[in-house]
Amino acid sequence: MPDSPPQPPHDALTPVQRTMVEAARADLALASVAPLVELDAAQLILLVECLRGRLHTVLSVLDEVAGHRDFCP
């Protein structure tokens, strides 16, 4: 039987972490259905900034769960 990747425990995330990840998923879902061609430059910039912030948030949650610290200035 091939080795499968380890699965995180069901309670691996705190309620706050879970909320942060769910908010990022919701923003991504909204961005995925947005008609990008109809957005002007300012709207595209806001969308990118929102998604960039959510990516940072999710990566921070991953670091917390994995026990890593950010050593970059």
PDB file of N, CA and C in Angstrom:
ATOM      1  N   MET A   1       0.842  -1.165   0.000  1.00  0.00           N
ATOM      2  CA  MET A   1       0.000   0.000   0.000  1.00  0.00           C
ATOM      3  C   MET A   1       0.894   1.238   0.000  1.00  0.00           C
ATOM      4  N   PRO A   2       0.666   2.178  -0.932  1.00  0.00           N
ATOM      5  CA  PRO A   2       1.505   3.376  -0.974  1.00  0.00           C
ATOM      6  C   PRO A   2       1.259   4.260   0.246  1.00  0.00           C
ATOM      7  N   ASP A   3       2.330   4.930   0.630  1.00  0.00           N
ATOM      8  CA  ASP A   3       2.203   5.847   1.763  1.00  0.00           C
ATOM      9  C   ASP A   3       1.385   7.061   1.337  1.00  0.00           C
ATOM     10  N   SER A   4       0.440   7.429   2.177  1.00  0.00           N
ATOM     11  CA  SER A   4      -0.340   8.637   1.896  1.00  0.00           C
ATOM     12  C   SER A   4       0.203   9.760   2.770  1.00  0.00           C
ATOM     13  N   PRO A   5       0.058  10.996   2.318  1.00  0.00           N
ATOM     14  CA  PRO A   5       0.565  12.098   3.137  1.00  0.00           C
ATOM     15  C   PRO A   5      -0.182  12.152   4.463  1.00  0.00           C
ATOM     16  N   PRO A   6       0.511  12.558   5.509  1.00  0.00           N
ATOM     17  CA  PRO A   6      -0.163  12.630   6.809  1.00  0.00           C
ATOM     18  C   PRO A   6      -1.282  13.655   6.776  1.00  0.00           C
ATOM     19  N   GLN A   7      -2.378  13.323   7.410  1.00  0.00           N
ATOM     20  CA  GLN A   7      -3.521  14.219   7.488  1.00  0.00           C
ATOM     21  C   GLN A   7      -3.465  14.986   8.803  1.00  0.00           C
ATOM     22  N   PRO A   8      -3.735  16.301   8.763  1.00  0.00           N
ATOM     23  CA  PRO A   8      -3.727  17.060  10.013  1.00  0.00           C
ATOM     24  C   PRO A   8      -4.889  16.612  10.891  1.00  0.00           C
ATOM     25  N   PRO A   9      -4.737  16.725  12.192  1.00  0.00           N
ATOM     26  CA  PRO A   9      -5.849  16.386  13.065  1.00  0.00           C
ATOM     27  C   PRO A   9      -7.047  17.283  12.774  1.00  0.00           C
ATOM     28  N   HIS A  10      -8.231  16.769  13.058  1.00  0.00           N
ATOM     29  CA  HIS A  10      -9.460  17.507  12.760  1.00  0.00           C
ATOM     30  C   HIS A  10      -9.457  18.886  13.414  1.00  0.00           C
ATOM     31  N   ASP A  11      -8.901  18.980  14.590  1.00  0.00           N
ATOM     32  CA  ASP A  11      -8.890  20.241  15.327  1.00  0.00           C
ATOM     33  C   ASP A  11      -7.556  20.965  15.204  1.00  0.00           C
ATOM     34  N   ALA A  12      -6.916  20.855  14.041  1.00  0.00           N
ATOM     35  CA  ALA A  12      -5.594  21.458  13.866  1.00  0.00           C
ATOM     36  C   ALA A  12      -5.646  22.985  13.907  1.00  0.00           C
ATOM     37  N   LEU A  13      -6.792  23.565  13.570  1.00  0.00           N
ATOM     38  CA  LEU A  13      -6.921  25.019  13.556  1.00  0.00           C
ATOM     39  C   LEU A  13      -7.784  25.489  14.718  1.00  0.00           C
ATOM     40  N   THR A  14      -7.410  26.630  15.250  1.00  0.00           N
ATOM     41  CA  THR A  14      -8.250  27.256  16.271  1.00  0.00           C
ATOM     42  C   THR A  14      -9.462  27.863  15.558  1.00  0.00           C
ATOM     43  N   PRO A  15     -10.506  28.213  16.297  1.00  0.00           N
ATOM     44  CA  PRO A  15     -11.648  28.854  15.648  1.00  0.00           C
ATOM     45  C   PRO A  15     -11.267  30.136  14.900  1.00  0.00           C
ATOM     46  N   VAL A  16     -10.354  30.914  15.459  1.00  0.00           N
ATOM     47  CA  VAL A  16      -9.921  32.149  14.785  1.00  0.00           C
ATOM     48  C   VAL A  16      -9.179  31.814  13.497  1.00  0.00           C
ATOM     49  N   GLN A  17      -8.279  30.839  13.551  1.00  0.00           N
ATOM     50  CA  GLN A  17      -7.547  30.437  12.349  1.00  0.00           C
ATOM     51  C   GLN A  17      -8.502  29.916  11.283  1.00  0.00           C
ATOM     52  N   ARG A  18      -9.469  29.104  11.694  1.00  0.00           N
ATOM     53  CA  ARG A  18     -10.435  28.547  10.754  1.00  0.00           C
ATOM     54  C   ARG A  18     -11.231  29.689  10.084  1.00  0.00           C
ATOM     55  N   THR A  19     -11.620  30.695  10.867  1.00  0.00           N
ATOM     56  CA  THR A  19     -12.353  31.841  10.327  1.00  0.00           C
ATOM     57  C   THR A  19     -11.497  32.590   9.314  1.00  0.00           C
ATOM     58  N   MET A  20     -10.210  32.761   9.616  1.00  0.00           N
ATOM     59  CA  MET A  20      -9.306  33.464   8.708  1.00  0.00           C
ATOM     60  C   MET A  20      -9.185  32.718   7.379  1.00  0.00           C
ATOM     61  N   VAL A  21      -9.050  31.408   7.441  1.00  0.00           N
ATOM     62  CA  VAL A  21      -8.923  30.603   6.226  1.00  0.00           C
ATOM     63  C   VAL A  21     -10.237  30.617   5.444  1.00  0.00           C
ATOM     64  N   GLU A  22     -11.358  30.505   6.139  1.00  0.00           N
ATOM     65  CA  GLU A  22     -12.652  30.531   5.458  1.00  0.00           C
ATOM     66  C   GLU A  22     -12.896  31.875   4.773  1.00  0.00           C
ATOM     67  N   ALA A  23     -12.474  32.971   5.403  1.00  0.00           N
ATOM     68  CA  ALA A  23     -12.614  34.291   4.783  1.00  0.00           C
ATOM     69  C   ALA A  23     -11.767  34.380   3.516  1.00  0.00           C
ATOM     70  N   ALA A  24     -10.571  33.815   3.561  1.00  0.00           N
ATOM     71  CA  ALA A  24      -9.709  33.816   2.375  1.00  0.00           C
ATOM     72  C   ALA A  24     -10.340  32.994   1.261  1.00  0.00           C
ATOM     73  N   ARG A  25     -10.914  31.856   1.605  1.00  0.00           N
ATOM     74  CA  ARG A  25     -11.594  31.031   0.591  1.00  0.00           C
ATOM     75  C   ARG A  25     -12.766  31.792  -0.030  1.00  0.00           C
ATOM     76  N   ALA A  26     -13.525  32.492   0.801  1.00  0.00           N
ATOM     77  CA  ALA A  26     -14.675  33.249   0.294  1.00  0.00           C
ATOM     78  C   ALA A  26     -14.213  34.363  -0.653  1.00  0.00           C
ATOM     79  N   ASP A  27     -13.155  35.074  -0.285  1.00  0.00           N
ATOM     80  CA  ASP A  27     -12.634  36.128  -1.158  1.00  0.00           C
ATOM     81  C   ASP A  27     -12.128  35.551  -2.474  1.00  0.00           C
ATOM     82  N   LEU A  28     -11.475  34.418  -2.409  1.00  0.00           N
ATOM     83  CA  LEU A  28     -10.988  33.775  -3.629  1.00  0.00           C
ATOM     84  C   LEU A  28     -12.151  33.343  -4.509  1.00  0.00           C
ATOM     85  N   ALA A  29     -13.199  32.799  -3.893  1.00  0.00           N
ATOM     86  CA  ALA A  29     -14.366  32.389  -4.670  1.00  0.00           C
ATOM     87  C   ALA A  29     -15.004  33.587  -5.367  1.00  0.00           C
ATOM     88  N   LEU A  30     -15.115  34.713  -4.653  1.00  0.00           N
ATOM     89  CA  LEU A  30     -15.674  35.924  -5.268  1.00  0.00           C
ATOM     90  C   LEU A  30     -14.798  36.419  -6.407  1.00  0.00           C
ATOM     91  N   ALA A  31     -13.489  36.394  -6.199  1.00  0.00           N
ATOM     92  CA  ALA A  31     -12.571  36.852  -7.246  1.00  0.00           C
ATOM     93  C   ALA A  31     -12.603  35.923  -8.452  1.00  0.00           C
ATOM     94  N   SER A  32     -12.864  34.649  -8.213  1.00  0.00           N
ATOM     95  CA  SER A  32     -12.886  33.674  -9.312  1.00  0.00           C
ATOM     96  C   SER A  32     -14.078  33.868 -10.237  1.00  0.00           C
ATOM     97  N   VAL A  33     -15.167  34.402  -9.708  1.00  0.00           N
ATOM     98  CA  VAL A  33     -16.353  34.592 -10.542  1.00  0.00           C
ATOM     99  C   VAL A  33     -16.476  36.031 -11.047  1.00  0.00           C
ATOM    100  N   ALA A  34     -15.602  36.900 -10.578  1.00  0.00           N
ATOM    101  CA  ALA A  34     -15.656  38.297 -11.015  1.00  0.00           C
ATOM    102  C   ALA A  34     -15.272  38.393 -12.492  1.00  0.00           C
ATOM    103  N   PRO A  35     -16.041  39.144 -13.261  1.00  0.00           N
ATOM    104  CA  PRO A  35     -15.689  39.344 -14.673  1.00  0.00           C
ATOM    105  C   PRO A  35     -14.523  40.336 -14.769  1.00  0.00           C
ATOM    106  N   LEU A  36     -13.305  39.810 -14.705  1.00  0.00           N
ATOM    107  CA  LEU A  36     -12.119  40.657 -14.624  1.00  0.00           C
ATOM    108  C   LEU A  36     -12.020  41.652 -15.774  1.00  0.00           C
ATOM    109  N   VAL A  37     -12.473  41.279 -16.930  1.00  0.00           N
ATOM    110  CA  VAL A  37     -12.374  42.153 -18.094  1.00  0.00           C
ATOM    111  C   VAL A  37     -13.251  43.397 -17.929  1.00  0.00           C
ATOM    112  N   GLU A  38     -14.248  43.316 -17.054  1.00  0.00           N
ATOM    113  CA  GLU A  38     -15.143  44.453 -16.839  1.00  0.00           C
ATOM    114  C   GLU A  38     -14.660  45.393 -15.727  1.00  0.00           C
ATOM    115  N   LEU A  39     -13.610  45.006 -15.004  1.00  0.00           N
ATOM    116  CA  LEU A  39     -13.108  45.827 -13.906  1.00  0.00           C
ATOM    117  C   LEU A  39     -12.131  46.870 -14.433  1.00  0.00           C
ATOM    118  N   ASP A  40     -12.220  48.062 -13.855  1.00  0.00           N
ATOM    119  CA  ASP A  40     -11.250  49.081 -14.247  1.00  0.00           C
ATOM    120  C   ASP A  40      -9.958  48.874 -13.445  1.00  0.00           C
ATOM    121  N   ALA A  41      -8.960  49.676 -13.740  1.00  0.00           N
ATOM    122  CA  ALA A  41      -7.641  49.503 -13.112  1.00  0.00           C
ATOM    123  C   ALA A  41      -7.711  49.587 -11.592  1.00  0.00           C
ATOM    124  N   ALA A  42      -8.469  50.551 -11.072  1.00  0.00           N
ATOM    125  CA  ALA A  42      -8.561  50.710  -9.620  1.00  0.00           C
ATOM    126  C   ALA A  42      -9.202  49.482  -8.969  1.00  0.00           C
ATOM    127  N   GLN A  43     -10.240  48.933  -9.581  1.00  0.00           N
ATOM    128  CA  GLN A  43     -10.895  47.746  -9.040  1.00  0.00           C
ATOM    129  C   GLN A  43      -9.965  46.534  -9.074  1.00  0.00           C
ATOM    130  N   LEU A  44      -9.194  46.401 -10.145  1.00  0.00           N
ATOM    131  CA  LEU A  44      -8.232  45.294 -10.230  1.00  0.00           C
ATOM    132  C   LEU A  44      -7.163  45.416  -9.146  1.00  0.00           C
ATOM    133  N   ILE A  45      -6.694  46.639  -8.919  1.00  0.00           N
ATOM    134  CA  ILE A  45      -5.686  46.851  -7.875  1.00  0.00           C
ATOM    135  C   ILE A  45      -6.255  46.479  -6.515  1.00  0.00           C
ATOM    136  N   LEU A  46      -7.483  46.889  -6.228  1.00  0.00           N
ATOM    137  CA  LEU A  46      -8.113  46.536  -4.953  1.00  0.00           C
ATOM    138  C   LEU A  46      -8.279  45.031  -4.807  1.00  0.00           C
ATOM    139  N   LEU A  47      -8.650  44.366  -5.888  1.00  0.00           N
ATOM    140  CA  LEU A  47      -8.804  42.910  -5.854  1.00  0.00           C
ATOM    141  C   LEU A  47      -7.471  42.229  -5.564  1.00  0.00           C
ATOM    142  N   VAL A  48      -6.431  42.664  -6.249  1.00  0.00           N
ATOM    143  CA  VAL A  48      -5.100  42.082  -6.026  1.00  0.00           C
ATOM    144  C   VAL A  48      -4.638  42.335  -4.594  1.00  0.00           C
ATOM    145  N   GLU A  49      -4.846  43.543  -4.096  1.00  0.00           N
ATOM    146  CA  GLU A  49      -4.446  43.857  -2.718  1.00  0.00           C
ATOM    147  C   GLU A  49      -5.206  43.004  -1.712  1.00  0.00           C
ATOM    148  N   CYS A  50      -6.491  42.813  -1.936  1.00  0.00           N
ATOM    149  CA  CYS A  50      -7.297  41.977  -1.048  1.00  0.00           C
ATOM    150  C   CYS A  50      -6.758  40.548  -1.043  1.00  0.00           C
ATOM    151  N   LEU A  51      -6.524  39.991  -2.228  1.00  0.00           N
ATOM    152  CA  LEU A  51      -6.041  38.613  -2.319  1.00  0.00           C
ATOM    153  C   LEU A  51      -4.629  38.483  -1.760  1.00  0.00           C
ATOM    154  N   ARG A  52      -3.806  39.493  -1.954  1.00  0.00           N
ATOM    155  CA  ARG A  52      -2.446  39.462  -1.406  1.00  0.00           C
ATOM    156  C   ARG A  52      -2.501  39.447   0.120  1.00  0.00           C
ATOM    157  N   GLY A  53      -3.384  40.254   0.690  1.00  0.00           N
ATOM    158  CA  GLY A  53      -3.548  40.256   2.139  1.00  0.00           C
ATOM    159  C   GLY A  53      -4.040  38.921   2.661  1.00  0.00           C
ATOM    160  N   ARG A  54      -5.003  38.331   1.956  1.00  0.00           N
ATOM    161  CA  ARG A  54      -5.523  37.018   2.382  1.00  0.00           C
ATOM    162  C   ARG A  54      -4.450  35.945   2.269  1.00  0.00           C
ATOM    163  N   LEU A  55      -3.627  36.003   1.217  1.00  0.00           N
ATOM    164  CA  LEU A  55      -2.539  35.034   1.075  1.00  0.00           C
ATOM    165  C   LEU A  55      -1.583  35.151   2.253  1.00  0.00           C
ATOM    166  N   HIS A  56      -1.244  36.369   2.618  1.00  0.00           N
ATOM    167  CA  HIS A  56      -0.363  36.589   3.766  1.00  0.00           C
ATOM    168  C   HIS A  56      -0.985  35.998   5.033  1.00  0.00           C
ATOM    169  N   THR A  57      -2.281  36.223   5.214  1.00  0.00           N
ATOM    170  CA  THR A  57      -2.984  35.709   6.386  1.00  0.00           C
ATOM    171  C   THR A  57      -2.945  34.186   6.433  1.00  0.00           C
ATOM    172  N   VAL A  58      -3.235  33.549   5.312  1.00  0.00           N
ATOM    173  CA  VAL A  58      -3.260  32.085   5.273  1.00  0.00           C
ATOM    174  C   VAL A  58      -1.860  31.516   5.489  1.00  0.00           C
ATOM    175  N   LEU A  59      -0.850  32.153   4.921  1.00  0.00           N
ATOM    176  CA  LEU A  59       0.517  31.681   5.141  1.00  0.00           C
ATOM    177  C   LEU A  59       0.920  31.842   6.606  1.00  0.00           C
ATOM    178  N   SER A  60       0.452  32.895   7.253  1.00  0.00           N
ATOM    179  CA  SER A  60       0.717  33.071   8.686  1.00  0.00           C
ATOM    180  C   SER A  60       0.060  31.963   9.504  1.00  0.00           C
ATOM    181  N   VAL A  61      -1.163  31.610   9.132  1.00  0.00           N
ATOM    182  CA  VAL A  61      -1.848  30.504   9.819  1.00  0.00           C
ATOM    183  C   VAL A  61      -1.067  29.207   9.625  1.00  0.00           C
ATOM    184  N   LEU A  62      -0.607  28.964   8.409  1.00  0.00           N
ATOM    185  CA  LEU A  62       0.185  27.754   8.159  1.00  0.00           C
ATOM    186  C   LEU A  62       1.450  27.733   9.009  1.00  0.00           C
ATOM    187  N   ASP A  63       2.109  28.885   9.107  1.00  0.00           N
ATOM    188  CA  ASP A  63       3.310  28.959   9.944  1.00  0.00           C
ATOM    189  C   ASP A  63       2.979  28.665  11.409  1.00  0.00           C
ATOM    190  N   GLU A  64       1.859  29.199  11.895  1.00  0.00           N
ATOM    191  CA  GLU A  64       1.455  28.939  13.281  1.00  0.00           C
ATOM    192  C   GLU A  64       1.201  27.457  13.508  1.00  0.00           C
ATOM    193  N   VAL A  65       0.473  26.839  12.586  1.00  0.00           N
ATOM    194  CA  VAL A  65       0.129  25.426  12.724  1.00  0.00           C
ATOM    195  C   VAL A  65       1.375  24.559  12.643  1.00  0.00           C
ATOM    196  N   ALA A  66       2.290  24.933  11.754  1.00  0.00           N
ATOM    197  CA  ALA A  66       3.508  24.141  11.571  1.00  0.00           C
ATOM    198  C   ALA A  66       4.554  24.453  12.631  1.00  0.00           C
ATOM    199  N   GLY A  67       4.333  25.498  13.416  1.00  0.00           N
ATOM    200  CA  GLY A  67       5.281  25.852  14.457  1.00  0.00           C
ATOM    201  C   GLY A  67       6.497  26.600  13.941  1.00  0.00           C
ATOM    202  N   HIS A  68       6.377  27.189  12.758  1.00  0.00           N
ATOM    203  CA  HIS A  68       7.503  27.937  12.185  1.00  0.00           C
ATOM    204  C   HIS A  68       7.412  29.393  12.594  1.00  0.00           C
ATOM    205  N   ARG A  69       8.548  30.029  12.573  1.00  0.00           N
ATOM    206  CA  ARG A  69       8.599  31.466  12.826  1.00  0.00           C
ATOM    207  C   ARG A  69       9.184  32.146  11.617  1.00  0.00           C
ATOM    208  N   ASP A  70       8.741  33.352  11.390  1.00  0.00           N
ATOM    209  CA  ASP A  70       9.234  34.128  10.266  1.00  0.00           C
ATOM    210  C   ASP A  70      10.508  34.838  10.693  1.00  0.00           C
ATOM    211  N   PHE A  71      11.645  34.409  10.163  1.00  0.00           N
ATOM    212  CA  PHE A  71      12.928  35.009  10.545  1.00  0.00           C
ATOM    213  C   PHE A  71      13.369  36.077   9.558  1.00  0.00           C
ATOM    214  N   CYS A  72      12.581  36.319   8.522  1.00  0.00           N
ATOM    215  CA  CYS A  72      12.926  37.354   7.556  1.00  0.00           C
ATOM    216  C   CYS A  72      12.501  38.705   8.102  1.00  0.00           C
ATOM    217  N   PRO A  73      13.335  39.718   7.937  1.00  0.00           N
ATOM    218  CA  PRO A  73      12.958  41.056   8.419  1.00  0.00           C
ATOM    219  C   PRO A  73      11.815  41.640   7.625  1.00  0.00           C
TER     220      PRO A  73
END
